[in-house]
């Protein structure tokens, strides 16, 4: 096996420069652990941005992938397949949804829902053609397409990519009163993350989602929850909306929907909204293919049957308590829900990336976001001894670091 430098040099020579990863070249994964090309082992505390909730190379999902790949992979939606209907039925039963529209990436699911609610606005709500408005939040992250970055408030996402599509209104996150003020007769939907992951694990005030649900119902506005990162067990519930006992009109899921084996996303909706789409108006060659559906069915089943959601809640509480017990003037706040945890540093700490590099040297892989925050989001199969092992290595990083 070649050493890390060989593979890094290949990336530098032939790849675009749209990522700045830590210089670790991974070769193998199992459960919560990954190994680099030189054989060093690391605890994965990013889980591919929550796409690997079930752990790396989960054996049951792997078996399904192999079995289905040897049977039938792709038909396109020009024909039917024997995995799509059962996938629809099972995901609807699990999430109490009426209808499903399968796609591939999370960004595709977001684009799909924007198209769908606009059409619903024109055909059902009676909004004048091309006047539909969608309300979003500052600090959002919903993907990288042109439409989506057009309503991002992150300068790195927007700069140099305009002109952008109109029809979006940005309000502060966690402010229900701002939502009500922003609604106009042309508002079709409110698109929001229950917890803002890329922004640094920003948790809204308690009761926020309940008030948002009330406002959207009162004004006949579709409530869309982007649960692509927060959903499927990450926060200690199947969906993060459950923490406040609400149900969105539309829920977006992806990432862990395939356990990291294959790109799968879905729009989970009421019949009223998705019912406006007609043949030829939206689609995807790979969306809903039999390989994707088979993998997703097993990925969902193991989440439930193996108690990963409950484990996320318990282990998240333990991990949070351990991180909060670290006494360091460099730490501003530790916040989280389930195994979605953010450790925010003081501005004088010199940025989060250097701490991620130091943690890598101690066998822990995590990711900095928005300069000052480290995210800890390991696979949901992590156990207490693993977290104790991690805490024993995290503590010295902050104890020894100076401003």
Protein backbone atom coordinates (compact mmCIF):
# COMPACT_ATOMS: atom_id res chain seq x y z
CA UNK A 1 0.00 0.00 0.00
CA UNK A 2 1.31 3.47 -0.90
CA UNK A 3 1.83 6.01 1.89
CA UNK A 4 -0.44 8.99 2.59
CA UNK A 5 1.75 11.48 0.77
CA UNK A 6 1.34 9.61 -2.51
CA UNK A 7 -2.47 9.88 -2.41
CA UNK A 8 -2.47 13.47 -1.18
CA UNK A 9 -0.16 14.48 -4.03
CA UNK A 10 -2.51 12.81 -6.56
CA UNK A 11 -5.43 14.83 -5.20
CA UNK A 12 -3.43 18.03 -5.36
CA UNK A 13 -2.30 17.36 -8.91
CA UNK A 14 -5.60 16.27 -10.48
CA UNK A 15 -8.46 17.42 -8.23
CA UNK A 16 -10.36 20.67 -7.87
CA UNK A 17 -9.60 22.68 -4.73
CA UNK A 18 -13.12 22.89 -3.30
CA UNK A 19 -12.24 20.96 -0.12
CA UNK A 20 -9.57 21.36 2.53
CA UNK A 21 -9.58 18.02 4.37
CA UNK A 22 -7.33 16.97 7.20
CA UNK A 23 -4.33 15.11 5.83
CA UNK A 24 -5.45 11.61 6.71
CA UNK A 25 -5.99 9.11 3.88
CA UNK A 26 -8.56 6.54 4.95
CA UNK A 27 -8.56 3.01 3.59
CA UNK A 28 -10.89 0.88 5.73
CA UNK A 29 -13.80 1.28 8.15
CA UNK A 30 -15.70 -0.90 10.61
CA UNK A 31 -18.31 0.31 13.08
CA UNK A 32 -17.02 3.50 14.71
CA UNK A 33 -13.41 2.96 13.58
CA UNK A 34 -11.51 3.85 10.41
CA UNK A 35 -7.93 3.04 9.40
CA UNK A 36 -5.61 5.04 7.18
CA UNK A 37 -3.37 3.63 4.44
CA UNK A 38 -0.51 3.27 6.92
CA UNK A 39 -2.62 1.24 9.37
CA UNK A 40 -3.30 3.89 12.01
CA UNK A 41 -6.73 3.58 13.67
CA UNK A 42 -9.07 6.50 14.35
CA UNK A 43 -12.40 6.98 16.06
CA UNK A 44 -14.69 8.56 13.46
CA UNK A 45 -16.42 11.46 15.19
CA UNK A 46 -17.95 12.89 12.01
CA UNK A 47 -19.69 9.80 10.57
CA UNK A 48 -19.58 11.39 7.10
CA UNK A 49 -21.75 14.29 8.28
CA UNK A 50 -24.20 11.74 9.81
CA UNK A 51 -24.44 9.58 6.69
CA UNK A 52 -22.87 6.66 8.57
CA UNK A 53 -25.20 6.62 11.59
CA UNK A 54 -25.33 2.82 11.44
CA UNK A 55 -21.53 2.52 11.52
CA UNK A 56 -19.08 1.80 8.75
CA UNK A 57 -19.76 -1.30 6.66
CA UNK A 58 -22.74 -2.50 8.67
CA UNK A 59 -22.93 -6.23 7.82
CA UNK A 60 -26.68 -6.40 7.23
CA UNK A 61 -26.73 -3.37 4.94
CA UNK A 62 -23.64 -4.70 3.16
CA UNK A 63 -25.35 -8.05 2.54
CA UNK A 64 -28.41 -6.30 1.12
CA UNK A 65 -26.19 -4.20 -1.16
CA UNK A 66 -24.40 -7.27 -2.50
CA UNK A 67 -27.57 -9.34 -2.91
CA UNK A 68 -29.45 -6.58 -4.71
CA UNK A 69 -26.45 -5.62 -6.85
CA UNK A 70 -26.33 -9.21 -8.07
CA UNK A 71 -30.06 -9.13 -8.86
CA UNK A 72 -31.00 -5.73 -10.31
CA UNK A 73 -29.45 -2.30 -9.83
CA UNK A 74 -31.18 0.22 -12.08
CA UNK A 75 -34.33 0.34 -14.17
CA UNK A 76 -35.00 4.09 -14.28
CA UNK A 77 -38.53 5.16 -13.44
CA UNK A 78 -39.63 4.34 -16.98
CA UNK A 79 -40.42 0.91 -15.50
CA UNK A 80 -41.47 -0.34 -12.08
CA UNK A 81 -39.33 -2.44 -9.75
CA UNK A 82 -40.10 -4.72 -6.81
CA UNK A 83 -38.20 -2.67 -4.21
CA UNK A 84 -39.81 0.74 -4.69
CA UNK A 85 -43.30 -0.03 -3.39
CA UNK A 86 -42.09 -1.81 -0.23
CA UNK A 87 -39.68 1.08 0.42
CA UNK A 88 -42.56 3.55 0.15
CA UNK A 89 -44.73 1.49 2.48
CA UNK A 90 -42.05 0.98 5.13
CA UNK A 91 -40.78 4.56 5.25
CA UNK A 92 -44.34 5.92 5.40
CA UNK A 93 -45.23 3.58 8.26
CA UNK A 94 -42.08 4.48 10.18
CA UNK A 95 -42.42 8.26 9.76
CA UNK A 96 -46.23 8.61 9.55
CA UNK A 97 -45.94 10.11 6.07
CA UNK A 98 -48.52 9.89 3.28
CA UNK A 99 -46.29 9.88 0.22
CA UNK A 100 -42.63 9.65 -0.72
CA UNK A 101 -40.59 11.09 -3.57
CA UNK A 102 -37.15 9.43 -3.70
CA UNK A 103 -34.05 11.22 -4.93
CA UNK A 104 -30.29 10.74 -4.52
CA UNK A 105 -28.60 13.59 -2.65
CA UNK A 106 -29.88 15.87 0.06
CA UNK A 107 -29.57 18.89 -2.20
CA UNK A 108 -31.78 17.16 -4.77
CA UNK A 109 -34.40 16.59 -2.09
CA UNK A 110 -34.33 20.30 -1.23
CA UNK A 111 -34.65 21.31 -4.88
CA UNK A 112 -37.52 18.84 -5.23
CA UNK A 113 -39.42 20.27 -2.30
CA UNK A 114 -38.98 23.86 -3.50
CA UNK A 115 -40.47 22.91 -6.87
CA UNK A 116 -43.29 20.99 -5.21
CA UNK A 117 -44.39 23.71 -2.77
CA UNK A 118 -44.26 26.38 -5.46
CA UNK A 119 -46.56 24.30 -7.64
CA UNK A 120 -48.82 23.64 -4.65
CA UNK A 121 -48.94 27.37 -4.01
CA UNK A 122 -50.14 28.08 -7.52
CA UNK A 123 -52.57 25.20 -7.92
CA UNK A 124 -53.96 24.85 -4.41
CA UNK A 125 -53.36 28.05 -2.47
CA UNK A 126 -54.06 30.27 -5.47
CA UNK A 127 -50.91 32.38 -5.45
CA UNK A 128 -50.35 34.32 -8.70
CA UNK A 129 -47.98 32.60 -11.11
CA UNK A 130 -44.25 33.11 -10.41
CA UNK A 131 -44.89 35.00 -7.17
CA UNK A 132 -44.41 32.16 -4.67
CA UNK A 133 -42.16 32.90 -1.69
CA UNK A 134 -40.29 30.47 0.57
CA UNK A 135 -39.04 31.64 3.96
CA UNK A 136 -35.64 30.32 5.14
CA UNK A 137 -33.33 31.03 8.07
CA UNK A 138 -30.02 32.83 8.39
CA UNK A 139 -27.20 30.36 8.99
CA UNK A 140 -28.98 27.67 7.00
CA UNK A 141 -27.28 24.89 5.11
CA UNK A 142 -29.48 23.02 2.66
CA UNK A 143 -26.97 22.06 -0.05
CA UNK A 144 -24.78 23.46 -2.81
CA UNK A 145 -26.97 23.96 -5.88
CA UNK A 146 -27.41 27.43 -7.37
CA UNK A 147 -30.93 27.87 -6.04
CA UNK A 148 -29.88 26.81 -2.55
CA UNK A 149 -26.70 28.88 -2.25
CA UNK A 150 -28.75 31.82 -3.47
CA UNK A 151 -30.56 31.91 -0.12
CA UNK A 152 -27.52 31.00 1.97
CA UNK A 153 -26.09 33.65 4.29
CA UNK A 154 -22.61 32.14 4.21
CA UNK A 155 -20.39 34.37 2.03
CA UNK A 156 -18.20 31.39 1.06
CA UNK A 157 -21.22 29.60 -0.36
CA UNK A 158 -22.48 32.61 -2.34
CA UNK A 159 -19.53 34.67 -3.50
CA UNK A 160 -18.91 34.44 -7.23
CA UNK A 161 -21.89 32.25 -8.09
CA UNK A 162 -24.68 34.75 -8.85
CA UNK A 163 -27.10 35.74 -10.23
CA UNK A 164 -29.44 33.82 -7.96
CA UNK A 165 -33.06 32.72 -8.16
CA UNK A 166 -35.61 35.03 -6.53
CA UNK A 167 -38.44 33.98 -4.25
CA UNK A 168 -36.70 33.50 -0.88
CA UNK A 169 -36.97 35.53 2.31
CA UNK A 170 -34.35 35.14 5.05
CA UNK A 171 -35.21 35.52 8.74
CA UNK A 172 -33.25 34.87 11.97
CA UNK A 173 -33.12 31.26 13.14
CA UNK A 174 -34.99 30.48 16.35
CA UNK A 175 -37.23 33.56 16.17
CA UNK A 176 -40.86 32.51 15.68
CA UNK A 177 -42.10 36.09 15.79
CA UNK A 178 -39.85 36.91 12.83
CA UNK A 179 -41.47 34.08 10.89
CA UNK A 180 -44.95 35.44 11.49
CA UNK A 181 -43.87 38.94 10.45
CA UNK A 182 -42.29 37.63 7.24
CA UNK A 183 -45.36 35.76 5.99
CA UNK A 184 -47.18 37.42 3.09
CA UNK A 185 -50.12 36.34 0.93
CA UNK A 186 -47.51 34.85 -1.44
CA UNK A 187 -45.74 32.68 1.15
CA UNK A 188 -45.95 28.98 0.33
CA UNK A 189 -43.52 27.40 2.80
CA UNK A 190 -41.08 27.75 5.66
CA UNK A 191 -37.91 25.64 5.18
CA UNK A 192 -35.88 25.11 8.36
CA UNK A 193 -33.47 22.74 10.05
CA UNK A 194 -34.59 21.62 13.53
CA UNK A 195 -30.95 22.05 14.57
CA UNK A 196 -28.49 23.91 12.37
CA UNK A 197 -25.60 21.50 11.91
CA UNK A 198 -23.22 23.27 9.56
CA UNK A 199 -23.74 26.53 11.46
CA UNK A 200 -22.22 24.88 14.52
CA UNK A 201 -24.94 22.71 16.10
CA UNK A 202 -27.20 25.66 16.83
CA UNK A 203 -30.24 24.55 18.86
CA UNK A 204 -33.29 26.84 18.81
CA UNK A 205 -35.09 27.89 22.01
CA UNK A 206 -37.38 25.31 23.57
CA UNK A 207 -40.87 25.63 22.14
CA UNK A 208 -39.66 27.20 18.89
CA UNK A 209 -40.80 24.39 16.63
CA UNK A 210 -44.17 24.19 18.40
CA UNK A 211 -44.74 27.88 17.75
CA UNK A 212 -43.54 27.53 14.16
CA UNK A 213 -46.02 24.70 13.67
CA UNK A 214 -48.84 26.86 15.03
CA UNK A 215 -47.93 29.81 12.82
CA UNK A 216 -47.64 27.74 9.64
CA UNK A 217 -51.00 26.09 10.28
CA UNK A 218 -52.69 29.42 10.99
CA UNK A 219 -51.39 30.97 7.75
CA UNK A 220 -51.73 27.90 5.49
CA UNK A 221 -47.96 27.77 5.02
CA UNK A 222 -46.24 24.43 4.41
CA UNK A 223 -43.76 23.57 7.18
CA UNK A 224 -40.69 21.82 5.71
CA UNK A 225 -38.16 20.35 8.12
CA UNK A 226 -34.77 19.54 6.64
CA UNK A 227 -33.82 16.48 8.68
CA UNK A 228 -31.09 15.32 6.32
CA UNK A 229 -28.53 15.65 9.14
CA UNK A 230 -30.74 15.65 12.23
CA UNK A 231 -33.00 12.77 11.19
CA UNK A 232 -32.76 8.99 11.46
CA UNK A 233 -31.59 8.81 15.05
CA UNK A 234 -28.86 11.44 15.18
CA UNK A 235 -30.52 13.49 17.97
CA UNK A 236 -31.79 10.54 19.99
CA UNK A 237 -35.14 10.42 18.20
CA UNK A 238 -36.03 9.02 14.79
CA UNK A 239 -36.73 12.61 13.72
CA UNK A 240 -35.67 15.73 15.62
CA UNK A 241 -39.23 17.10 15.41
CA UNK A 242 -40.21 14.53 18.04
CA UNK A 243 -38.36 16.48 20.73
CA UNK A 244 -41.17 19.04 20.58
CA UNK A 245 -44.01 16.70 19.68
CA UNK A 246 -44.82 18.19 16.30
CA UNK A 247 -45.18 16.88 12.76
CA UNK A 248 -43.94 18.76 9.72
CA UNK A 249 -45.98 18.87 6.53
CA UNK A 250 -42.87 17.78 4.62
CA UNK A 251 -39.74 16.14 5.96
CA UNK A 252 -36.48 15.78 4.04
CA UNK A 253 -34.24 12.81 4.81
CA UNK A 254 -31.02 11.56 3.26
CA UNK A 255 -27.48 10.73 4.38
CA UNK A 256 -28.14 7.89 6.90
CA UNK A 257 -31.08 6.71 4.78
CA UNK A 258 -28.55 4.36 3.15
CA UNK A 259 -26.14 3.90 6.04
CA UNK A 260 -23.39 5.41 3.92
CA UNK A 261 -23.47 2.72 1.23
CA UNK A 262 -25.25 4.56 -1.57
CA UNK A 263 -26.72 8.04 -2.24
CA UNK A 264 -30.38 7.98 -1.22
CA UNK A 265 -32.64 10.85 -0.17
CA UNK A 266 -36.38 11.32 0.03
CA UNK A 267 -39.13 13.91 0.35
CA UNK A 268 -41.70 12.68 2.86
CA UNK A 269 -44.92 14.57 2.40
CA UNK A 270 -48.65 14.87 2.69
CA UNK A 271 -50.69 13.73 -0.28
CA UNK A 272 -51.86 17.30 -0.85
CA UNK A 273 -48.43 18.72 -1.66
CA UNK A 274 -46.86 15.87 -3.61
CA UNK A 275 -50.19 15.25 -5.28
CA UNK A 276 -49.68 18.31 -7.50
CA UNK A 277 -46.84 16.66 -9.44
CA UNK A 278 -47.78 14.98 -12.71
CA UNK A 279 -45.79 12.63 -14.96
CA UNK A 280 -42.91 14.41 -16.68
CA UNK A 281 -42.80 17.37 -14.27
CA UNK A 282 -40.01 16.07 -12.05
CA UNK A 283 -37.80 13.02 -11.84
CA UNK A 284 -34.40 11.41 -11.56
CA UNK A 285 -32.79 8.58 -13.50
CA UNK A 286 -31.39 7.03 -10.34
CA UNK A 287 -34.04 8.18 -7.86
CA UNK A 288 -35.97 5.19 -6.50
CA UNK A 289 -33.78 2.59 -8.21
CA UNK A 290 -33.99 -0.94 -6.79
CA UNK A 291 -30.48 -0.94 -5.34
CA UNK A 292 -31.13 2.33 -3.49
CA UNK A 293 -34.51 1.17 -2.20
CA UNK A 294 -33.24 -2.18 -0.98
CA UNK A 295 -30.32 -0.57 0.84
CA UNK A 296 -32.56 2.09 2.40
CA UNK A 297 -35.03 -0.51 3.64
CA UNK A 298 -32.30 -2.37 5.50
CA UNK A 299 -30.65 0.84 6.74
CA UNK A 300 -33.94 1.90 8.34
CA UNK A 301 -34.63 -1.54 9.74
CA UNK A 302 -31.30 -1.86 11.57
CA UNK A 303 -31.68 1.62 13.08
CA UNK A 304 -34.86 0.45 14.79
CA UNK A 305 -34.16 -3.22 15.44
CA UNK A 306 -30.69 -2.69 16.88
CA UNK A 307 -31.73 0.15 19.22
CA UNK A 308 -29.46 2.72 17.64
CA UNK A 309 -31.87 5.60 18.21
CA UNK A 310 -32.16 4.89 21.94
CA UNK A 311 -28.39 4.41 22.13
CA UNK A 312 -27.90 7.81 20.52
CA UNK A 313 -29.90 9.44 23.30
CA UNK A 314 -28.05 7.66 26.12
CA UNK A 315 -24.55 7.94 24.69
CA UNK A 316 -25.19 11.54 23.68
CA UNK A 317 -26.02 12.47 27.26
CA UNK A 318 -22.85 10.75 28.47
CA UNK A 319 -20.63 12.36 25.81
CA UNK A 320 -22.12 15.81 26.45
CA UNK A 321 -21.55 15.49 30.19
CA UNK A 322 -17.95 14.44 29.63
CA UNK A 323 -17.21 17.33 27.29
CA UNK A 324 -18.89 19.83 29.61
CA UNK A 325 -16.73 18.58 32.46
CA UNK A 326 -13.58 19.77 30.68
CA UNK A 327 -12.34 22.90 32.39
CA UNK A 328 -10.60 25.13 29.89
CA UNK A 329 -10.75 28.90 29.34
CA UNK A 330 -10.63 28.16 25.61
CA UNK A 331 -14.07 26.50 25.60
CA UNK A 332 -17.02 28.86 25.23
CA UNK A 333 -19.90 26.36 25.15
CA UNK A 334 -20.70 22.69 24.63
CA UNK A 335 -24.17 22.04 23.21
CA UNK A 336 -25.96 19.18 21.57
CA UNK A 337 -28.81 16.75 21.37
CA UNK A 338 -28.24 13.03 21.14
CA UNK A 339 -24.97 12.40 19.32
CA UNK A 340 -25.07 15.74 17.49
CA UNK A 341 -22.65 17.80 19.57
CA UNK A 342 -20.85 21.09 19.03
CA UNK A 343 -17.96 22.40 21.10
CA UNK A 344 -17.57 26.12 20.51
CA UNK A 345 -14.25 27.77 21.27
CA UNK A 346 -13.50 31.30 22.38
CA UNK A 347 -12.34 33.57 19.53
CA UNK A 348 -8.91 33.85 21.11
CA UNK A 349 -8.42 30.05 20.91
CA UNK A 350 -7.04 30.44 17.39
CA UNK A 351 -9.74 28.56 15.49
CA UNK A 352 -11.11 25.04 15.72
CA UNK A 353 -9.07 23.47 12.94
CA UNK A 354 -5.85 23.29 14.93
CA UNK A 355 -7.69 21.36 17.63
CA UNK A 356 -9.06 18.95 15.02
CA UNK A 357 -5.50 18.40 13.83
CA UNK A 358 -4.34 17.78 17.39
CA UNK A 359 -7.19 15.32 17.95
CA UNK A 360 -6.23 13.49 14.75
CA UNK A 361 -2.77 12.92 16.17
CA UNK A 362 -4.46 11.28 19.17
CA UNK A 363 -6.67 9.03 17.06
CA UNK A 364 -9.91 11.04 16.84
CA UNK A 365 -11.32 12.44 13.60
CA UNK A 366 -13.71 15.36 13.87
CA UNK A 367 -14.55 18.44 11.83
CA UNK A 368 -14.36 22.16 12.43
CA UNK A 369 -17.20 24.34 11.23
CA UNK A 370 -17.71 28.10 11.10
CA UNK A 371 -14.13 28.59 12.30
CA UNK A 372 -14.69 28.26 16.05
CA UNK A 373 -16.76 25.09 16.52
CA UNK A 374 -15.79 21.41 16.59
CA UNK A 375 -18.49 18.89 15.80
CA UNK A 376 -18.61 15.51 17.49
CA UNK A 377 -21.07 13.16 15.76
CA UNK A 378 -19.86 9.55 15.88
CA UNK A 379 -21.86 6.63 14.51
CA UNK A 380 -24.85 5.76 16.67
CA UNK A 381 -23.37 2.37 17.55
CA UNK A 382 -20.75 3.94 19.82
CA UNK A 383 -20.65 2.62 23.39
CA UNK A 384 -19.67 4.06 26.77
CA UNK A 385 -16.10 2.61 26.82
CA UNK A 386 -15.49 4.16 23.38
CA UNK A 387 -16.59 7.57 24.63
CA UNK A 388 -14.43 7.21 27.73
CA UNK A 389 -11.51 6.37 25.44
CA UNK A 390 -12.25 9.51 23.40
CA UNK A 391 -12.61 11.77 26.44
CA UNK A 392 -9.25 10.58 27.76
CA UNK A 393 -7.72 11.90 24.53
CA UNK A 394 -9.82 15.04 24.13
CA UNK A 395 -9.07 16.40 27.62
CA UNK A 396 -5.28 16.76 27.15
CA UNK A 397 -5.77 18.65 23.89
CA UNK A 398 -7.52 21.48 25.70
CA UNK A 399 -5.49 21.19 28.91
CA UNK A 400 -2.22 21.66 27.04
CA UNK A 401 -3.33 24.21 24.44
CA UNK A 402 -2.70 27.89 24.93
CA UNK A 403 -4.43 30.88 23.30
